[in-house]
Amino acid sequence: LLLSLRGRALSFVRQRFASVYREDGVPETEIAGRF
């Protein structure tokens, strides 16, 4: 399931990472590089 739905899994993980990075005050330019 993880392999077949990897696009959705990656999207979910990226949203979670983005919210955590925003809470930590990481600049928007660095967030994309850390995904």
PDB file of all heavy atoms in Angstrom:
ATOM      1  N   LEU A   1       0.826  -1.213   0.000  1.00  0.00           N
ATOM      2  CA  LEU A   1       0.000   0.000   0.000  1.00  0.00           C
ATOM      3  C   LEU A   1       0.856   1.256   0.000  1.00  0.00           C
ATOM      4  O   LEU A   1       0.546   2.238  -0.690  1.00  0.00           O
ATOM      5  CB  LEU A   1      -0.936   0.002   1.211  1.00  0.00           C
ATOM      6  CG  LEU A   1      -2.158  -0.891   1.116  1.00  0.00           C
ATOM      7  CD1 LEU A   1      -2.915  -0.887   2.442  1.00  0.00           C
ATOM      8  CD2 LEU A   1      -3.062  -0.428  -0.002  1.00  0.00           C
ATOM      9  N   LEU A   2       1.937   1.237   0.779  1.00  0.00           N
ATOM     10  CA  LEU A   2       2.826   2.400   0.821  1.00  0.00           C
ATOM     11  C   LEU A   2       3.454   2.646  -0.542  1.00  0.00           C
ATOM     12  O   LEU A   2       3.554   3.797  -0.989  1.00  0.00           O
ATOM     13  CB  LEU A   2       3.911   2.200   1.881  1.00  0.00           C
ATOM     14  CG  LEU A   2       4.882   3.348   2.101  1.00  0.00           C
ATOM     15  CD1 LEU A   2       4.118   4.591   2.573  1.00  0.00           C
ATOM     16  CD2 LEU A   2       5.926   2.970   3.125  1.00  0.00           C
ATOM     17  N   LEU A   3       3.860   1.581  -1.209  1.00  0.00           N
ATOM     18  CA  LEU A   3       4.445   1.748  -2.542  1.00  0.00           C
ATOM     19  C   LEU A   3       3.409   2.186  -3.576  1.00  0.00           C
ATOM     20  O   LEU A   3       3.705   3.002  -4.449  1.00  0.00           O
ATOM     21  CB  LEU A   3       5.111   0.452  -2.996  1.00  0.00           C
ATOM     22  CG  LEU A   3       6.436   0.116  -2.315  1.00  0.00           C
ATOM     23  CD1 LEU A   3       6.910  -1.250  -2.758  1.00  0.00           C
ATOM     24  CD2 LEU A   3       7.473   1.170  -2.605  1.00  0.00           C
ATOM     25  N   SER A   4       2.205   1.657  -3.489  1.00  0.00           N
ATOM     26  CA  SER A   4       1.194   2.015  -4.487  1.00  0.00           C
ATOM     27  C   SER A   4       0.611   3.407  -4.240  1.00  0.00           C
ATOM     28  O   SER A   4       0.174   4.070  -5.174  1.00  0.00           O
ATOM     29  CB  SER A   4       0.083   0.971  -4.524  1.00  0.00           C
ATOM     30  OG  SER A   4      -0.603   0.933  -3.303  1.00  0.00           O
ATOM     31  N   LEU A   5       0.609   3.846  -3.008  1.00  0.00           N
ATOM     32  CA  LEU A   5       0.080   5.176  -2.676  1.00  0.00           C
ATOM     33  C   LEU A   5       1.197   6.132  -2.269  1.00  0.00           C
ATOM     34  O   LEU A   5       0.995   7.028  -1.448  1.00  0.00           O
ATOM     35  CB  LEU A   5      -0.948   5.062  -1.544  1.00  0.00           C
ATOM     36  CG  LEU A   5      -2.149   4.173  -1.820  1.00  0.00           C
ATOM     37  CD1 LEU A   5      -2.990   4.019  -0.563  1.00  0.00           C
ATOM     38  CD2 LEU A   5      -2.977   4.725  -2.958  1.00  0.00           C
ATOM     39  N   ARG A   6       2.386   5.953  -2.841  1.00  0.00           N
ATOM     40  CA  ARG A   6       3.547   6.726  -2.396  1.00  0.00           C
ATOM     41  C   ARG A   6       3.391   8.216  -2.654  1.00  0.00           C
ATOM     42  O   ARG A   6       3.915   9.027  -1.911  1.00  0.00           O
ATOM     43  CB  ARG A   6       4.818   6.189  -3.015  1.00  0.00           C
ATOM     44  CG  ARG A   6       4.902   6.289  -4.501  1.00  0.00           C
ATOM     45  CD  ARG A   6       6.180   5.635  -5.018  1.00  0.00           C
ATOM     46  NE  ARG A   6       6.230   5.669  -6.455  1.00  0.00           N
ATOM     47  CZ  ARG A   6       5.894   4.662  -7.238  1.00  0.00           C
ATOM     48  NH1 ARG A   6       5.492   3.548  -6.701  1.00  0.00           N
ATOM     49  NH2 ARG A   6       5.964   4.766  -8.546  1.00  0.00           N
ATOM     50  N   GLY A   7       2.657   8.599  -3.664  1.00  0.00           N
ATOM     51  CA  GLY A   7       2.427  10.018  -3.916  1.00  0.00           C
ATOM     52  C   GLY A   7       1.633  10.659  -2.794  1.00  0.00           C
ATOM     53  O   GLY A   7       1.967  11.744  -2.318  1.00  0.00           O
ATOM     54  N   ARG A   8       0.601   9.972  -2.358  1.00  0.00           N
ATOM     55  CA  ARG A   8      -0.210  10.491  -1.249  1.00  0.00           C
ATOM     56  C   ARG A   8       0.562  10.456   0.061  1.00  0.00           C
ATOM     57  O   ARG A   8       0.472  11.372   0.874  1.00  0.00           O
ATOM     58  CB  ARG A   8      -1.491   9.695  -1.105  1.00  0.00           C
ATOM     59  CG  ARG A   8      -2.467   9.960  -2.215  1.00  0.00           C
ATOM     60  CD  ARG A   8      -3.756   9.242  -1.975  1.00  0.00           C
ATOM     61  NE  ARG A   8      -4.633   9.437  -3.108  1.00  0.00           N
ATOM     62  CZ  ARG A   8      -5.929   9.437  -3.022  1.00  0.00           C
ATOM     63  NH1 ARG A   8      -6.514   9.211  -1.870  1.00  0.00           N
ATOM     64  NH2 ARG A   8      -6.666   9.641  -4.093  1.00  0.00           N
ATOM     65  N   ALA A   9       1.343   9.390   0.264  1.00  0.00           N
ATOM     66  CA  ALA A   9       2.143   9.297   1.488  1.00  0.00           C
ATOM     67  C   ALA A   9       3.171  10.410   1.550  1.00  0.00           C
ATOM     68  O   ALA A   9       3.363  11.041   2.591  1.00  0.00           O
ATOM     69  CB  ALA A   9       2.827   7.933   1.574  1.00  0.00           C
ATOM     70  N   LEU A  10       3.832  10.669   0.417  1.00  0.00           N
ATOM     71  CA  LEU A  10       4.829  11.736   0.378  1.00  0.00           C
ATOM     72  C   LEU A  10       4.180  13.096   0.589  1.00  0.00           C
ATOM     73  O   LEU A  10       4.724  13.942   1.298  1.00  0.00           O
ATOM     74  CB  LEU A  10       5.590  11.699  -0.941  1.00  0.00           C
ATOM     75  CG  LEU A  10       6.761  12.658  -1.052  1.00  0.00           C
ATOM     76  CD1 LEU A  10       7.821  12.305  -0.016  1.00  0.00           C
ATOM     77  CD2 LEU A  10       7.347  12.631  -2.434  1.00  0.00           C
ATOM     78  N   SER A  11       3.014  13.309   0.020  1.00  0.00           N
ATOM     79  CA  SER A  11       2.300  14.568   0.212  1.00  0.00           C
ATOM     80  C   SER A  11       1.939  14.773   1.678  1.00  0.00           C
ATOM     81  O   SER A  11       2.111  15.866   2.220  1.00  0.00           O
ATOM     82  CB  SER A  11       1.044  14.578  -0.650  1.00  0.00           C
ATOM     83  OG  SER A  11       0.255  15.697  -0.368  1.00  0.00           O
ATOM     84  N   PHE A  12       1.462  13.712   2.337  1.00  0.00           N
ATOM     85  CA  PHE A  12       1.120  13.805   3.760  1.00  0.00           C
ATOM     86  C   PHE A  12       2.352  14.124   4.603  1.00  0.00           C
ATOM     87  O   PHE A  12       2.320  14.997   5.472  1.00  0.00           O
ATOM     88  CB  PHE A  12       0.498  12.481   4.228  1.00  0.00           C
ATOM     89  CG  PHE A  12       0.283  12.401   5.712  1.00  0.00           C
ATOM     90  CD1 PHE A  12      -0.756  13.093   6.303  1.00  0.00           C
ATOM     91  CD2 PHE A  12       1.124  11.659   6.510  1.00  0.00           C
ATOM     92  CE1 PHE A  12      -0.960  13.040   7.674  1.00  0.00           C
ATOM     93  CE2 PHE A  12       0.938  11.592   7.880  1.00  0.00           C
ATOM     94  CZ  PHE A  12      -0.109  12.292   8.453  1.00  0.00           C
ATOM     95  N   VAL A  13       3.451  13.434   4.316  1.00  0.00           N
ATOM     96  CA  VAL A  13       4.678  13.657   5.091  1.00  0.00           C
ATOM     97  C   VAL A  13       5.199  15.068   4.867  1.00  0.00           C
ATOM     98  O   VAL A  13       5.632  15.737   5.814  1.00  0.00           O
ATOM     99  CB  VAL A  13       5.742  12.602   4.715  1.00  0.00           C
ATOM    100  CG1 VAL A  13       7.097  12.948   5.288  1.00  0.00           C
ATOM    101  CG2 VAL A  13       5.301  11.228   5.180  1.00  0.00           C
ATOM    102  N   ARG A  14       5.133  15.544   3.641  1.00  0.00           N
ATOM    103  CA  ARG A  14       5.602  16.904   3.364  1.00  0.00           C
ATOM    104  C   ARG A  14       4.757  17.954   4.078  1.00  0.00           C
ATOM    105  O   ARG A  14       5.281  18.957   4.566  1.00  0.00           O
ATOM    106  CB  ARG A  14       5.602  17.167   1.862  1.00  0.00           C
ATOM    107  CG  ARG A  14       6.746  16.499   1.169  1.00  0.00           C
ATOM    108  CD  ARG A  14       6.799  16.857  -0.282  1.00  0.00           C
ATOM    109  NE  ARG A  14       8.006  16.304  -0.883  1.00  0.00           N
ATOM    110  CZ  ARG A  14       8.395  16.547  -2.100  1.00  0.00           C
ATOM    111  NH1 ARG A  14       7.668  17.311  -2.892  1.00  0.00           N
ATOM    112  NH2 ARG A  14       9.507  16.023  -2.563  1.00  0.00           N
ATOM    113  N   GLN A  15       3.451  17.750   4.153  1.00  0.00           N
ATOM    114  CA  GLN A  15       2.596  18.691   4.878  1.00  0.00           C
ATOM    115  C   GLN A  15       2.939  18.708   6.360  1.00  0.00           C
ATOM    116  O   GLN A  15       2.969  19.762   6.983  1.00  0.00           O
ATOM    117  CB  GLN A  15       1.131  18.333   4.677  1.00  0.00           C
ATOM    118  CG  GLN A  15       0.628  18.626   3.295  1.00  0.00           C
ATOM    119  CD  GLN A  15      -0.792  18.130   3.098  1.00  0.00           C
ATOM    120  OE1 GLN A  15      -1.405  17.580   3.999  1.00  0.00           O
ATOM    121  NE2 GLN A  15      -1.318  18.306   1.898  1.00  0.00           N
ATOM    122  N   ARG A  16       3.200  17.522   6.921  1.00  0.00           N
ATOM    123  CA  ARG A  16       3.570  17.451   8.338  1.00  0.00           C
ATOM    124  C   ARG A  16       4.911  18.136   8.584  1.00  0.00           C
ATOM    125  O   ARG A  16       5.067  18.881   9.545  1.00  0.00           O
ATOM    126  CB  ARG A  16       3.637  15.994   8.816  1.00  0.00           C
ATOM    127  CG  ARG A  16       2.322  15.269   8.750  1.00  0.00           C
ATOM    128  CD  ARG A  16       1.278  15.876   9.657  1.00  0.00           C
ATOM    129  NE  ARG A  16       1.726  15.830  11.026  1.00  0.00           N
ATOM    130  CZ  ARG A  16       1.306  16.649  11.967  1.00  0.00           C
ATOM    131  NH1 ARG A  16       0.411  17.556  11.707  1.00  0.00           N
ATOM    132  NH2 ARG A  16       1.768  16.555  13.193  1.00  0.00           N
ATOM    133  N   PHE A  17       5.895  17.903   7.708  1.00  0.00           N
ATOM    134  CA  PHE A  17       7.191  18.540   7.854  1.00  0.00           C
ATOM    135  C   PHE A  17       7.057  20.054   7.749  1.00  0.00           C
ATOM    136  O   PHE A  17       7.675  20.794   8.512  1.00  0.00           O
ATOM    137  CB  PHE A  17       8.151  18.036   6.772  1.00  0.00           C
ATOM    138  CG  PHE A  17       8.954  16.839   7.177  1.00  0.00           C
ATOM    139  CD1 PHE A  17       8.350  15.604   7.363  1.00  0.00           C
ATOM    140  CD2 PHE A  17      10.322  16.927   7.362  1.00  0.00           C
ATOM    141  CE1 PHE A  17       9.077  14.500   7.723  1.00  0.00           C
ATOM    142  CE2 PHE A  17      11.067  15.816   7.720  1.00  0.00           C
ATOM    143  CZ  PHE A  17      10.440  14.606   7.897  1.00  0.00           C
ATOM    144  N   ALA A  18       6.268  20.527   6.782  1.00  0.00           N
ATOM    145  CA  ALA A  18       6.104  21.970   6.586  1.00  0.00           C
ATOM    146  C   ALA A  18       5.507  22.627   7.818  1.00  0.00           C
ATOM    147  O   ALA A  18       5.963  23.694   8.239  1.00  0.00           O
ATOM    148  CB  ALA A  18       5.243  22.240   5.358  1.00  0.00           C
ATOM    149  N   SER A  19       4.505  21.991   8.415  1.00  0.00           N
ATOM    150  CA  SER A  19       3.890  22.594   9.598  1.00  0.00           C
ATOM    151  C   SER A  19       4.870  22.626  10.770  1.00  0.00           C
ATOM    152  O   SER A  19       4.929  23.615  11.507  1.00  0.00           O
ATOM    153  CB  SER A  19       2.609  21.852   9.977  1.00  0.00           C
ATOM    154  OG  SER A  19       2.889  20.531  10.388  1.00  0.00           O
ATOM    155  N   VAL A  20       5.663  21.586  10.930  1.00  0.00           N
ATOM    156  CA  VAL A  20       6.649  21.568  12.021  1.00  0.00           C
ATOM    157  C   VAL A  20       7.732  22.604  11.772  1.00  0.00           C
ATOM    158  O   VAL A  20       8.142  23.317  12.690  1.00  0.00           O
ATOM    159  CB  VAL A  20       7.264  20.149  12.167  1.00  0.00           C
ATOM    160  CG1 VAL A  20       8.470  20.161  13.088  1.00  0.00           C
ATOM    161  CG2 VAL A  20       6.221  19.173  12.672  1.00  0.00           C
ATOM    162  N   TYR A  21       8.206  22.716  10.537  1.00  0.00           N
ATOM    163  CA  TYR A  21       9.244  23.705  10.231  1.00  0.00           C
ATOM    164  C   TYR A  21       8.726  25.127  10.419  1.00  0.00           C
ATOM    165  O   TYR A  21       9.457  26.007  10.883  1.00  0.00           O
ATOM    166  CB  TYR A  21       9.756  23.523   8.803  1.00  0.00           C
ATOM    167  CG  TYR A  21      10.645  22.318   8.617  1.00  0.00           C
ATOM    168  CD1 TYR A  21      10.646  21.615   7.428  1.00  0.00           C
ATOM    169  CD2 TYR A  21      11.488  21.878   9.627  1.00  0.00           C
ATOM    170  CE1 TYR A  21      11.462  20.515   7.250  1.00  0.00           C
ATOM    171  CE2 TYR A  21      12.300  20.778   9.463  1.00  0.00           C
ATOM    172  CZ  TYR A  21      12.291  20.095   8.274  1.00  0.00           C
ATOM    173  OH  TYR A  21      13.089  19.002   8.091  1.00  0.00           O
ATOM    174  N   ARG A  22       7.475  25.376  10.053  1.00  0.00           N
ATOM    175  CA  ARG A  22       6.917  26.725  10.249  1.00  0.00           C
ATOM    176  C   ARG A  22       6.813  27.053  11.734  1.00  0.00           C
ATOM    177  O   ARG A  22       7.068  28.184  12.131  1.00  0.00           O
ATOM    178  CB  ARG A  22       5.554  26.823   9.575  1.00  0.00           C
ATOM    179  CG  ARG A  22       5.665  26.965   8.078  1.00  0.00           C
ATOM    180  CD  ARG A  22       4.346  27.327   7.421  1.00  0.00           C
ATOM    181  NE  ARG A  22       4.474  27.198   5.977  1.00  0.00           N
ATOM    182  CZ  ARG A  22       4.069  26.154   5.274  1.00  0.00           C
ATOM    183  NH1 ARG A  22       3.485  25.136   5.878  1.00  0.00           N
ATOM    184  NH2 ARG A  22       4.231  26.118   3.978  1.00  0.00           N
ATOM    185  N   GLU A  23       6.435  26.053  12.542  1.00  0.00           N
ATOM    186  CA  GLU A  23       6.364  26.283  13.981  1.00  0.00           C
ATOM    187  C   GLU A  23       7.737  26.564  14.567  1.00  0.00           C
ATOM    188  O   GLU A  23       7.866  27.324  15.527  1.00  0.00           O
ATOM    189  CB  GLU A  23       5.758  25.066  14.690  1.00  0.00           C
ATOM    190  CG  GLU A  23       4.283  24.882  14.438  1.00  0.00           C
ATOM    191  CD  GLU A  23       3.758  23.582  15.035  1.00  0.00           C
ATOM    192  OE1 GLU A  23       4.534  22.850  15.680  1.00  0.00           O
ATOM    193  OE2 GLU A  23       2.564  23.298  14.846  1.00  0.00           O
ATOM    194  N   ASP A  24       8.777  25.963  13.986  1.00  0.00           N
ATOM    195  CA  ASP A  24      10.144  26.165  14.480  1.00  0.00           C
ATOM    196  C   ASP A  24      10.772  27.444  13.941  1.00  0.00           C
ATOM    197  O   ASP A  24      11.889  27.781  14.323  1.00  0.00           O
ATOM    198  CB  ASP A  24      11.034  24.978  14.105  1.00  0.00           C
ATOM    199  CG  ASP A  24      10.674  23.735  14.890  1.00  0.00           C
ATOM    200  OD1 ASP A  24       9.972  23.857  15.921  1.00  0.00           O
ATOM    201  OD2 ASP A  24      11.105  22.634  14.487  1.00  0.00           O
ATOM    202  N   GLY A  25      10.081  28.126  13.036  1.00  0.00           N
ATOM    203  CA  GLY A  25      10.577  29.391  12.509  1.00  0.00           C
ATOM    204  C   GLY A  25      11.607  29.248  11.398  1.00  0.00           C
ATOM    205  O   GLY A  25      12.415  30.150  11.193  1.00  0.00           O
ATOM    206  N   VAL A  26      11.596  28.144  10.696  1.00  0.00           N
ATOM    207  CA  VAL A  26      12.517  27.951   9.576  1.00  0.00           C
ATOM    208  C   VAL A  26      12.033  28.804   8.407  1.00  0.00           C
ATOM    209  O   VAL A  26      10.844  28.796   8.089  1.00  0.00           O
ATOM    210  CB  VAL A  26      12.572  26.453   9.181  1.00  0.00           C
ATOM    211  CG1 VAL A  26      13.457  26.252   7.962  1.00  0.00           C
ATOM    212  CG2 VAL A  26      13.055  25.616  10.344  1.00  0.00           C
ATOM    213  N   PRO A  27      12.944  29.543   7.758  1.00  0.00           N
ATOM    214  CA  PRO A  27      12.528  30.376   6.614  1.00  0.00           C
ATOM    215  C   PRO A  27      11.945  29.531   5.482  1.00  0.00           C
ATOM    216  O   PRO A  27      12.333  28.386   5.278  1.00  0.00           O
ATOM    217  CB  PRO A  27      13.831  31.043   6.158  1.00  0.00           C
ATOM    218  CG  PRO A  27      14.768  30.915   7.308  1.00  0.00           C
ATOM    219  CD  PRO A  27      14.354  29.706   8.073  1.00  0.00           C
ATOM    220  N   GLU A  28      11.002  30.115   4.752  1.00  0.00           N
ATOM    221  CA  GLU A  28      10.314  29.409   3.662  1.00  0.00           C
ATOM    222  C   GLU A  28      11.287  28.903   2.598  1.00  0.00           C
ATOM    223  O   GLU A  28      11.052  27.863   1.988  1.00  0.00           O
ATOM    224  CB  GLU A  28       9.278  30.320   3.006  1.00  0.00           C
ATOM    225  CG  GLU A  28       8.072  30.633   3.863  1.00  0.00           C
ATOM    226  CD  GLU A  28       7.158  29.434   4.035  1.00  0.00           C
ATOM    227  OE1 GLU A  28       7.070  28.604   3.121  1.00  0.00           O
ATOM    228  OE2 GLU A  28       6.532  29.338   5.099  1.00  0.00           O
ATOM    229  N   THR A  29      12.376  29.631   2.382  1.00  0.00           N
ATOM    230  CA  THR A  29      13.326  29.212   1.345  1.00  0.00           C
ATOM    231  C   THR A  29      14.054  27.920   1.725  1.00  0.00           C
ATOM    232  O   THR A  29      14.473  27.162   0.850  1.00  0.00           O
ATOM    233  CB  THR A  29      14.356  30.319   1.087  1.00  0.00           C
ATOM    234  OG1 THR A  29      14.983  30.658   2.326  1.00  0.00           O
ATOM    235  CG2 THR A  29      13.693  31.546   0.506  1.00  0.00           C
ATOM    236  N   GLU A  30      14.202  27.651   3.004  1.00  0.00           N
ATOM    237  CA  GLU A  30      14.906  26.437   3.445  1.00  0.00           C
ATOM    238  C   GLU A  30      13.974  25.233   3.600  1.00  0.00           C
ATOM    239  O   GLU A  30      14.439  24.098   3.601  1.00  0.00           O
ATOM    240  CB  GLU A  30      15.594  26.684   4.781  1.00  0.00           C
ATOM    241  CG  GLU A  30      16.752  27.640   4.710  1.00  0.00           C
ATOM    242  CD  GLU A  30      17.417  27.796   6.057  1.00  0.00           C
ATOM    243  OE1 GLU A  30      17.375  26.841   6.852  1.00  0.00           O
ATOM    244  OE2 GLU A  30      17.974  28.869   6.309  1.00  0.00           O
ATOM    245  N   ILE A  31      12.687  25.476   3.739  1.00  0.00           N
ATOM    246  CA  ILE A  31      11.744  24.385   3.993  1.00  0.00           C
ATOM    247  C   ILE A  31      11.731  23.394   2.832  1.00  0.00           C
ATOM    248  O   ILE A  31      11.778  22.181   3.044  1.00  0.00           O
ATOM    249  CB  ILE A  31      10.326  24.932   4.273  1.00  0.00           C
ATOM    250  CG1 ILE A  31      10.308  25.633   5.633  1.00  0.00           C
ATOM    251  CG2 ILE A  31       9.300  23.819   4.244  1.00  0.00           C
ATOM    252  CD1 ILE A  31       8.991  26.284   5.982  1.00  0.00           C
ATOM    253  N   ALA A  32      11.698  23.889   1.590  1.00  0.00           N
ATOM    254  CA  ALA A  32      11.619  22.999   0.424  1.00  0.00           C
ATOM    255  C   ALA A  32      12.846  22.104   0.315  1.00  0.00           C
ATOM    256  O   ALA A  32      12.750  20.952  -0.109  1.00  0.00           O
ATOM    257  CB  ALA A  32      11.446  23.817  -0.845  1.00  0.00           C
ATOM    258  N   GLY A  33      14.000  22.583   0.715  1.00  0.00           N
ATOM    259  CA  GLY A  33      15.215  21.788   0.645  1.00  0.00           C
ATOM    260  C   GLY A  33      15.285  20.693   1.689  1.00  0.00           C
ATOM    261  O   GLY A  33      16.039  19.733   1.548  1.00  0.00           O
ATOM    262  N   ARG A  34      14.521  20.825   2.743  1.00  0.00           N
ATOM    263  CA  ARG A  34      14.555  19.846   3.829  1.00  0.00           C
ATOM    264  C   ARG A  34      13.504  18.751   3.700  1.00  0.00           C
ATOM    265  O   ARG A  34      13.467  17.837   4.513  1.00  0.00           O
ATOM    266  CB  ARG A  34      14.350  20.547   5.172  1.00  0.00           C
ATOM    267  CG  ARG A  34      15.461  21.489   5.521  1.00  0.00           C
ATOM    268  CD  ARG A  34      15.254  22.038   6.891  1.00  0.00           C
ATOM    269  NE  ARG A  34      16.310  22.945   7.285  1.00  0.00           N
ATOM    270  CZ  ARG A  34      16.444  23.429   8.496  1.00  0.00           C
ATOM    271  NH1 ARG A  34      15.581  23.102   9.430  1.00  0.00           N
ATOM    272  NH2 ARG A  34      17.430  24.246   8.775  1.00  0.00           N
ATOM    273  N   PHE A  35      12.640  18.834   2.723  1.00  0.00           N
ATOM    274  CA  PHE A  35      11.580  17.835   2.559  1.00  0.00           C
ATOM    275  C   PHE A  35      12.168  16.470   2.212  1.00  0.00           C
ATOM    276  O   PHE A  35      13.160  16.378   1.501  1.00  0.00           O
ATOM    277  CB  PHE A  35      10.613  18.235   1.454  1.00  0.00           C
ATOM    278  CG  PHE A  35       9.607  19.266   1.860  1.00  0.00           C
ATOM    279  CD1 PHE A  35       9.123  20.141   0.926  1.00  0.00           C
ATOM    280  CD2 PHE A  35       9.135  19.342   3.150  1.00  0.00           C
ATOM    281  CE1 PHE A  35       8.188  21.097   1.275  1.00  0.00           C
ATOM    282  CE2 PHE A  35       8.202  20.285   3.510  1.00  0.00           C
ATOM    283  CZ  PHE A  35       7.732  21.168   2.568  1.00  0.00           C
TER     284      PHE A  35
END
